[in-house]
Amino acid sequence: MNIEKERHRQGLFITFEGVDGSGKTTQANMLCSHLLQRGLEVMSTREPGGTRVGERIREILLDRRLREMTAMTETLLYAADRAQHAAEVIRPALLRGTIVISDRFIDSSLAYQGVARGLGLEGVRNLNEWATGELYPDLTFLLKVPYEVGMRRVVQGQRDRMERQSEDFFREVQEAYLTLAKFFSHRMVVLDGTQKPEEVHHQVMREVDKHLS
C-alpha cells in the first residue's frame, strides 16, 4: 500500500472543498482552464460522480425526494462512489503523470458524514481509506464562506437533498472543515471564498505553482 501511495506522486492530485455555494466548482474550473492554457496534461472531475457508476450514485444521493435516507446509507454510498472514482479515474490518471483536479474528495465525507452526521471521524476515515486504497490529495483548497453567503449563491428552488439541510448542519460542516485544515495542514490551504473569483484564483495559482516548480 505504501508503494502505491508513493507511485501516484507521478501526477498531482488537487481537490477543492467547502460548503455548497463556496465557489469551489468555479475555482476548480478556472484552475483547469489555466493549466490547460499552459500546455499541461490536466483532468477535471467531481464527486459524487466522475464515472458512469458514480453518476448513478449521485442521482440517488442528491434526490431531494429521498428524505428517509439514513446517515449510514449516505456515508456508504459516498464511499462506493469514491471507490469507483479512485480506481477508474483518479489513480490511473495520476500514474500517467496527469494533474487531476477534483471538486470534492475524502474531506467532504469527513466533514459532512463524520462530523455533521455524527458518525465519527475515525470510522468514516477508515472506510474511505479502505475504499480508495488510502488515496489522499497532494493539495486541497478549502474555500471558507459564511452560511448566508453560500446559501445566497444556491438557487432556492433548485437545491438538492444535501443543499436542503439545516443552517446548524452547515455550520457544523464549516467548523469540521476548519478542524480538518489544522489536522491536514501539510496539504490543506484555507482561502476566503467571499473574495472576487479572480482574487481567489490568483491565490490558488500561487500555491499550485509551488507544487509544479
C-alpha atoms as a PDB file:
ATOM      1  CA  MET A   1       0.000   0.000   0.000  1.00  0.00           C
ATOM      2  CA  ASN A   2       2.742   2.465   0.827  1.00  0.00           C
ATOM      3  CA  ILE A   3       4.378   1.789  -2.540  1.00  0.00           C
ATOM      4  CA  GLU A   4       1.115   2.605  -4.323  1.00  0.00           C
ATOM      5  CA  LYS A   5       0.702   5.806  -2.339  1.00  0.00           C
ATOM      6  CA  GLU A   6       4.144   6.960  -3.434  1.00  0.00           C
ATOM      7  CA  ARG A   7       3.663   5.894  -7.053  1.00  0.00           C
ATOM      8  CA  HIS A   8       0.692   8.212  -7.562  1.00  0.00           C
ATOM      9  CA  ARG A   9       3.006  11.194  -6.982  1.00  0.00           C
ATOM     10  CA  GLN A  10       3.981  10.970 -10.651  1.00  0.00           C
ATOM     11  CA  GLY A  11       0.945  13.163 -11.157  1.00  0.00           C
ATOM     12  CA  LEU A  12      -0.541  15.870  -8.946  1.00  0.00           C
ATOM     13  CA  PHE A  13      -3.878  15.442  -7.165  1.00  0.00           C
ATOM     14  CA  ILE A  14      -5.643  18.713  -6.301  1.00  0.00           C
ATOM     15  CA  THR A  15      -9.045  18.971  -4.643  1.00  0.00           C
ATOM     16  CA  PHE A  16     -11.445  21.785  -3.790  1.00  0.00           C
ATOM     17  CA  GLU A  17     -13.614  21.629  -0.689  1.00  0.00           C
ATOM     18  CA  GLY A  18     -16.197  23.773   1.062  1.00  0.00           C
ATOM     19  CA  VAL A  19     -19.879  24.063   1.831  1.00  0.00           C
ATOM     20  CA  ASP A  20     -22.324  24.460  -1.014  1.00  0.00           C
ATOM     21  CA  GLY A  21     -22.070  27.893  -2.589  1.00  0.00           C
ATOM     22  CA  SER A  22     -18.462  28.386  -1.501  1.00  0.00           C
ATOM     23  CA  GLY A  23     -17.212  28.765  -5.083  1.00  0.00           C
ATOM     24  CA  LYS A  24     -15.192  25.547  -5.212  1.00  0.00           C
ATOM     25  CA  THR A  25     -16.618  24.461  -8.577  1.00  0.00           C
ATOM     26  CA  THR A  26     -15.826  27.835 -10.112  1.00  0.00           C
ATOM     27  CA  GLN A  27     -12.255  27.707  -8.819  1.00  0.00           C
ATOM     28  CA  ALA A  28     -11.740  24.117  -9.973  1.00  0.00           C
ATOM     29  CA  ASN A  29     -12.854  25.111 -13.477  1.00  0.00           C
ATOM     30  CA  MET A  30     -10.663  28.224 -13.503  1.00  0.00           C
ATOM     31  CA  LEU A  31      -7.619  26.231 -12.410  1.00  0.00           C
ATOM     32  CA  CYS A  32      -8.220  23.564 -15.029  1.00  0.00           C
ATOM     33  CA  SER A  33      -8.541  26.161 -17.818  1.00  0.00           C
ATOM     34  CA  HIS A  34      -5.406  27.975 -16.680  1.00  0.00           C
ATOM     35  CA  LEU A  35      -3.264  24.825 -16.578  1.00  0.00           C
ATOM     36  CA  LEU A  36      -4.558  23.644 -19.942  1.00  0.00           C
ATOM     37  CA  GLN A  37      -3.572  27.009 -21.439  1.00  0.00           C
ATOM     38  CA  ARG A  38      -0.072  26.376 -20.125  1.00  0.00           C
ATOM     39  CA  GLY A  39       0.052  23.138 -22.087  1.00  0.00           C
ATOM     40  CA  LEU A  40      -0.102  20.804 -19.093  1.00  0.00           C
ATOM     41  CA  GLU A  41      -1.926  17.482 -19.019  1.00  0.00           C
ATOM     42  CA  VAL A  42      -4.943  18.117 -16.804  1.00  0.00           C
ATOM     43  CA  MET A  43      -8.124  16.248 -15.972  1.00  0.00           C
ATOM     44  CA  SER A  44     -11.126  17.725 -14.165  1.00  0.00           C
ATOM     45  CA  THR A  45     -13.618  15.553 -12.263  1.00  0.00           C
ATOM     46  CA  ARG A  46     -16.120  15.721  -9.417  1.00  0.00           C
ATOM     47  CA  GLU A  47     -17.797  13.887  -6.563  1.00  0.00           C
ATOM     48  CA  PRO A  48     -20.245  12.401  -6.287  1.00  0.00           C
ATOM     49  CA  GLY A  49     -19.917  11.327  -9.906  1.00  0.00           C
ATOM     50  CA  GLY A  50     -16.931  11.318 -12.199  1.00  0.00           C
ATOM     51  CA  THR A  51     -17.715   7.839 -13.540  1.00  0.00           C
ATOM     52  CA  ARG A  52     -20.751   6.189 -15.099  1.00  0.00           C
ATOM     53  CA  VAL A  53     -21.360   4.252 -11.892  1.00  0.00           C
ATOM     54  CA  GLY A  54     -20.739   7.369  -9.824  1.00  0.00           C
ATOM     55  CA  GLU A  55     -23.251   9.456 -11.749  1.00  0.00           C
ATOM     56  CA  ARG A  56     -25.947   6.888 -10.956  1.00  0.00           C
ATOM     57  CA  ILE A  57     -24.976   7.019  -7.277  1.00  0.00           C
ATOM     58  CA  ARG A  58     -25.062  10.823  -7.470  1.00  0.00           C
ATOM     59  CA  GLU A  59     -28.667  10.737  -8.624  1.00  0.00           C
ATOM     60  CA  ILE A  60     -29.622   8.777  -5.511  1.00  0.00           C
ATOM     61  CA  LEU A  61     -27.559  10.844  -3.078  1.00  0.00           C
ATOM     62  CA  LEU A  62     -28.891  14.191  -4.247  1.00  0.00           C
ATOM     63  CA  ASP A  63     -32.516  13.166  -4.872  1.00  0.00           C
ATOM     64  CA  ARG A  64     -34.487  15.504  -2.615  1.00  0.00           C
ATOM     65  CA  ARG A  65     -37.402  13.029  -2.552  1.00  0.00           C
ATOM     66  CA  LEU A  66     -35.308  10.516  -0.569  1.00  0.00           C
ATOM     67  CA  ARG A  67     -35.676  12.200   2.792  1.00  0.00           C
ATOM     68  CA  GLU A  68     -35.697   8.826   4.578  1.00  0.00           C
ATOM     69  CA  MET A  69     -32.071   8.050   3.682  1.00  0.00           C
ATOM     70  CA  THR A  70     -30.098   7.264   6.838  1.00  0.00           C
ATOM     71  CA  ALA A  71     -26.736   8.810   7.641  1.00  0.00           C
ATOM     72  CA  MET A  72     -25.026   5.409   7.356  1.00  0.00           C
ATOM     73  CA  THR A  73     -26.582   4.705   3.951  1.00  0.00           C
ATOM     74  CA  GLU A  74     -25.476   8.131   2.766  1.00  0.00           C
ATOM     75  CA  THR A  75     -21.928   7.516   4.002  1.00  0.00           C
ATOM     76  CA  LEU A  76     -21.658   4.121   2.335  1.00  0.00           C
ATOM     77  CA  LEU A  77     -22.964   5.483  -0.966  1.00  0.00           C
ATOM     78  CA  TYR A  78     -20.372   8.267  -0.951  1.00  0.00           C
ATOM     79  CA  ALA A  79     -17.663   5.719  -0.198  1.00  0.00           C
ATOM     80  CA  ALA A  80     -18.861   3.462  -3.026  1.00  0.00           C
ATOM     81  CA  ASP A  81     -18.802   6.406  -5.422  1.00  0.00           C
ATOM     82  CA  ARG A  82     -15.290   7.314  -4.266  1.00  0.00           C
ATOM     83  CA  ALA A  83     -14.037   3.740  -4.617  1.00  0.00           C
ATOM     84  CA  GLN A  84     -15.108   3.647  -8.259  1.00  0.00           C
ATOM     85  CA  HIS A  85     -13.784   7.164  -8.855  1.00  0.00           C
ATOM     86  CA  ALA A  86     -10.349   6.383  -7.420  1.00  0.00           C
ATOM     87  CA  ALA A  87      -9.968   3.060  -9.214  1.00  0.00           C
ATOM     88  CA  GLU A  88     -11.358   4.027 -12.614  1.00  0.00           C
ATOM     89  CA  VAL A  89     -10.357   7.660 -12.981  1.00  0.00           C
ATOM     90  CA  ILE A  90      -8.066   9.266 -10.434  1.00  0.00           C
ATOM     91  CA  ARG A  91      -5.319   6.721  -9.777  1.00  0.00           C
ATOM     92  CA  PRO A  92      -4.824   5.740 -13.458  1.00  0.00           C
ATOM     93  CA  ALA A  93      -4.551   9.418 -14.399  1.00  0.00           C
ATOM     94  CA  LEU A  94      -2.023  10.108 -11.649  1.00  0.00           C
ATOM     95  CA  LEU A  95       0.066   7.143 -12.740  1.00  0.00           C
ATOM     96  CA  ARG A  96       0.168   8.673 -16.235  1.00  0.00           C
ATOM     97  CA  GLY A  97       1.536  11.881 -14.729  1.00  0.00           C
ATOM     98  CA  THR A  98      -1.683  13.853 -15.157  1.00  0.00           C
ATOM     99  CA  ILE A  99      -2.730  16.748 -12.923  1.00  0.00           C
ATOM    100  CA  VAL A 100      -6.111  15.677 -11.507  1.00  0.00           C
ATOM    101  CA  ILE A 101      -8.455  18.384 -10.215  1.00  0.00           C
ATOM    102  CA  SER A 102     -11.475  17.148  -8.276  1.00  0.00           C
ATOM    103  CA  ASP A 103     -14.468  19.059  -6.973  1.00  0.00           C
ATOM    104  CA  ARG A 104     -14.675  17.273  -3.572  1.00  0.00           C
ATOM    105  CA  PHE A 105     -12.985  14.122  -2.288  1.00  0.00           C
ATOM    106  CA  ILE A 106     -12.460  12.394   1.067  1.00  0.00           C
ATOM    107  CA  ASP A 107     -12.553  15.585   3.172  1.00  0.00           C
ATOM    108  CA  SER A 108     -16.211  16.075   2.221  1.00  0.00           C
ATOM    109  CA  SER A 109     -17.164  12.785   3.860  1.00  0.00           C
ATOM    110  CA  LEU A 110     -15.069  13.534   6.926  1.00  0.00           C
ATOM    111  CA  ALA A 111     -16.809  16.899   7.400  1.00  0.00           C
ATOM    112  CA  TYR A 112     -20.348  16.066   6.296  1.00  0.00           C
ATOM    113  CA  GLN A 113     -20.795  12.489   7.468  1.00  0.00           C
ATOM    114  CA  GLY A 114     -18.030  12.076  10.031  1.00  0.00           C
ATOM    115  CA  VAL A 115     -18.844  15.253  11.970  1.00  0.00           C
ATOM    116  CA  ALA A 116     -22.139  16.848  10.892  1.00  0.00           C
ATOM    117  CA  ARG A 117     -23.949  13.492  10.617  1.00  0.00           C
ATOM    118  CA  GLY A 118     -22.296  12.360  13.846  1.00  0.00           C
ATOM    119  CA  LEU A 119     -20.837   9.091  12.567  1.00  0.00           C
ATOM    120  CA  GLY A 120     -17.334   9.841  13.834  1.00  0.00           C
ATOM    121  CA  LEU A 121     -14.183  10.882  12.021  1.00  0.00           C
ATOM    122  CA  GLU A 122     -12.258   7.676  12.667  1.00  0.00           C
ATOM    123  CA  GLY A 123     -14.896   5.355  11.248  1.00  0.00           C
ATOM    124  CA  VAL A 124     -15.546   7.458   8.158  1.00  0.00           C
ATOM    125  CA  ARG A 125     -11.837   7.941   7.570  1.00  0.00           C
ATOM    126  CA  ASN A 126     -11.121   4.203   7.847  1.00  0.00           C
ATOM    127  CA  LEU A 127     -13.984   3.404   5.473  1.00  0.00           C
ATOM    128  CA  ASN A 128     -12.766   5.831   2.832  1.00  0.00           C
ATOM    129  CA  GLU A 129      -9.129   4.833   3.145  1.00  0.00           C
ATOM    130  CA  TRP A 130     -10.213   1.242   2.533  1.00  0.00           C
ATOM    131  CA  ALA A 131     -12.418   2.286  -0.398  1.00  0.00           C
ATOM    132  CA  THR A 132      -9.680   4.300  -2.129  1.00  0.00           C
ATOM    133  CA  GLY A 133      -6.562   2.368  -1.187  1.00  0.00           C
ATOM    134  CA  GLU A 134      -5.506   5.224   1.118  1.00  0.00           C
ATOM    135  CA  LEU A 135      -5.507   7.767  -1.689  1.00  0.00           C
ATOM    136  CA  TYR A 136      -5.272  11.367  -0.479  1.00  0.00           C
ATOM    137  CA  PRO A 137      -4.868  14.656  -2.382  1.00  0.00           C
ATOM    138  CA  ASP A 138      -1.473  16.327  -2.654  1.00  0.00           C
ATOM    139  CA  LEU A 139      -3.094  19.742  -2.290  1.00  0.00           C
ATOM    140  CA  THR A 140      -6.551  20.753  -1.060  1.00  0.00           C
ATOM    141  CA  PHE A 141      -8.143  24.195  -1.191  1.00  0.00           C
ATOM    142  CA  LEU A 142     -10.825  24.869   1.407  1.00  0.00           C
ATOM    143  CA  LEU A 143     -12.996  27.831   0.450  1.00  0.00           C
ATOM    144  CA  LYS A 144     -14.499  29.407   3.534  1.00  0.00           C
ATOM    145  CA  VAL A 145     -17.707  31.455   3.262  1.00  0.00           C
ATOM    146  CA  PRO A 146     -20.372  32.436   5.827  1.00  0.00           C
ATOM    147  CA  TYR A 147     -23.522  30.312   5.698  1.00  0.00           C
ATOM    148  CA  GLU A 148     -25.613  33.226   4.425  1.00  0.00           C
ATOM    149  CA  VAL A 149     -23.255  33.888   1.513  1.00  0.00           C
ATOM    150  CA  GLY A 150     -23.184  30.258   0.439  1.00  0.00           C
ATOM    151  CA  MET A 151     -26.946  29.883   0.513  1.00  0.00           C
ATOM    152  CA  ARG A 152     -27.474  33.078  -1.492  1.00  0.00           C
ATOM    153  CA  ARG A 153     -25.390  31.505  -4.250  1.00  0.00           C
ATOM    154  CA  VAL A 154     -27.587  28.370  -4.374  1.00  0.00           C
ATOM    155  CA  VAL A 155     -30.932  28.887  -6.114  1.00  0.00           C
ATOM    156  CA  GLN A 156     -33.692  28.086  -3.602  1.00  0.00           C
ATOM    157  CA  GLY A 157     -35.952  26.049  -5.878  1.00  0.00           C
ATOM    158  CA  GLN A 158     -33.083  24.019  -7.290  1.00  0.00           C
ATOM    159  CA  ARG A 159     -31.485  22.872  -4.032  1.00  0.00           C
ATOM    160  CA  ASP A 160     -30.782  19.130  -3.913  1.00  0.00           C
ATOM    161  CA  ARG A 161     -31.138  16.820  -0.895  1.00  0.00           C
ATOM    162  CA  MET A 162     -27.789  17.821   0.621  1.00  0.00           C
ATOM    163  CA  GLU A 163     -28.289  21.538  -0.013  1.00  0.00           C
ATOM    164  CA  ARG A 164     -31.601  21.406   1.870  1.00  0.00           C
ATOM    165  CA  GLN A 165     -30.002  20.608   5.223  1.00  0.00           C
ATOM    166  CA  SER A 166     -30.415  22.982   8.175  1.00  0.00           C
ATOM    167  CA  GLU A 167     -28.322  26.040   8.933  1.00  0.00           C
ATOM    168  CA  ASP A 168     -26.927  24.310  12.030  1.00  0.00           C
ATOM    169  CA  PHE A 169     -25.850  21.367   9.870  1.00  0.00           C
ATOM    170  CA  PHE A 170     -23.861  23.579   7.515  1.00  0.00           C
ATOM    171  CA  ARG A 171     -22.268  25.468  10.383  1.00  0.00           C
ATOM    172  CA  GLU A 172     -21.097  22.133  11.788  1.00  0.00           C
ATOM    173  CA  VAL A 173     -19.690  21.215   8.378  1.00  0.00           C
ATOM    174  CA  GLN A 174     -17.826  24.524   8.216  1.00  0.00           C
ATOM    175  CA  GLU A 175     -16.301  24.043  11.655  1.00  0.00           C
ATOM    176  CA  ALA A 176     -15.388  20.467  10.788  1.00  0.00           C
ATOM    177  CA  TYR A 177     -13.575  21.628   7.663  1.00  0.00           C
ATOM    178  CA  LEU A 178     -11.558  24.160   9.655  1.00  0.00           C
ATOM    179  CA  THR A 179     -10.568  21.440  12.121  1.00  0.00           C
ATOM    180  CA  LEU A 180      -9.506  19.200   9.241  1.00  0.00           C
ATOM    181  CA  ALA A 181      -7.435  22.066   7.823  1.00  0.00           C
ATOM    182  CA  LYS A 182      -5.429  22.113  11.033  1.00  0.00           C
ATOM    183  CA  PHE A 183      -5.051  18.332  11.123  1.00  0.00           C
ATOM    184  CA  PHE A 184      -4.029  18.154   7.447  1.00  0.00           C
ATOM    185  CA  SER A 185      -2.116  21.421   7.428  1.00  0.00           C
ATOM    186  CA  HIS A 186       0.587  19.882   5.210  1.00  0.00           C
ATOM    187  CA  ARG A 187      -1.861  19.782   2.271  1.00  0.00           C
ATOM    188  CA  MET A 188      -4.893  21.955   3.089  1.00  0.00           C
ATOM    189  CA  VAL A 189      -4.955  25.679   2.286  1.00  0.00           C
ATOM    190  CA  VAL A 190      -7.843  27.798   3.602  1.00  0.00           C
ATOM    191  CA  LEU A 191      -8.951  30.662   1.355  1.00  0.00           C
ATOM    192  CA  ASP A 192     -11.564  33.386   1.799  1.00  0.00           C
ATOM    193  CA  GLY A 193     -14.337  32.398  -0.600  1.00  0.00           C
ATOM    194  CA  THR A 194     -16.061  35.789  -0.311  1.00  0.00           C
ATOM    195  CA  GLN A 195     -13.359  37.443  -2.420  1.00  0.00           C
ATOM    196  CA  LYS A 196     -13.780  38.008  -6.142  1.00  0.00           C
ATOM    197  CA  PRO A 197     -13.197  34.779  -8.115  1.00  0.00           C
ATOM    198  CA  GLU A 198     -10.141  36.299  -9.810  1.00  0.00           C
ATOM    199  CA  GLU A 199      -8.530  37.098  -6.460  1.00  0.00           C
ATOM    200  CA  VAL A 200      -9.130  33.581  -5.157  1.00  0.00           C
ATOM    201  CA  HIS A 201      -7.770  32.120  -8.395  1.00  0.00           C
ATOM    202  CA  HIS A 202      -4.575  34.150  -8.038  1.00  0.00           C
ATOM    203  CA  GLN A 203      -4.026  32.676  -4.567  1.00  0.00           C
ATOM    204  CA  VAL A 204      -4.796  29.185  -5.856  1.00  0.00           C
ATOM    205  CA  MET A 205      -2.222  29.511  -8.632  1.00  0.00           C
ATOM    206  CA  ARG A 206       0.408  30.755  -6.210  1.00  0.00           C
ATOM    207  CA  GLU A 207       0.040  27.544  -4.188  1.00  0.00           C
ATOM    208  CA  VAL A 208      -0.214  25.264  -7.222  1.00  0.00           C
ATOM    209  CA  ASP A 209       2.957  26.725  -8.719  1.00  0.00           C
ATOM    210  CA  LYS A 210       4.844  25.663  -5.600  1.00  0.00           C
ATOM    211  CA  HIS A 211       3.974  22.056  -6.429  1.00  0.00           C
ATOM    212  CA  LEU A 212       4.774  22.431 -10.119  1.00  0.00           C
ATOM    213  CA  SER A 213       8.192  24.021  -9.706  1.00  0.00           C
END
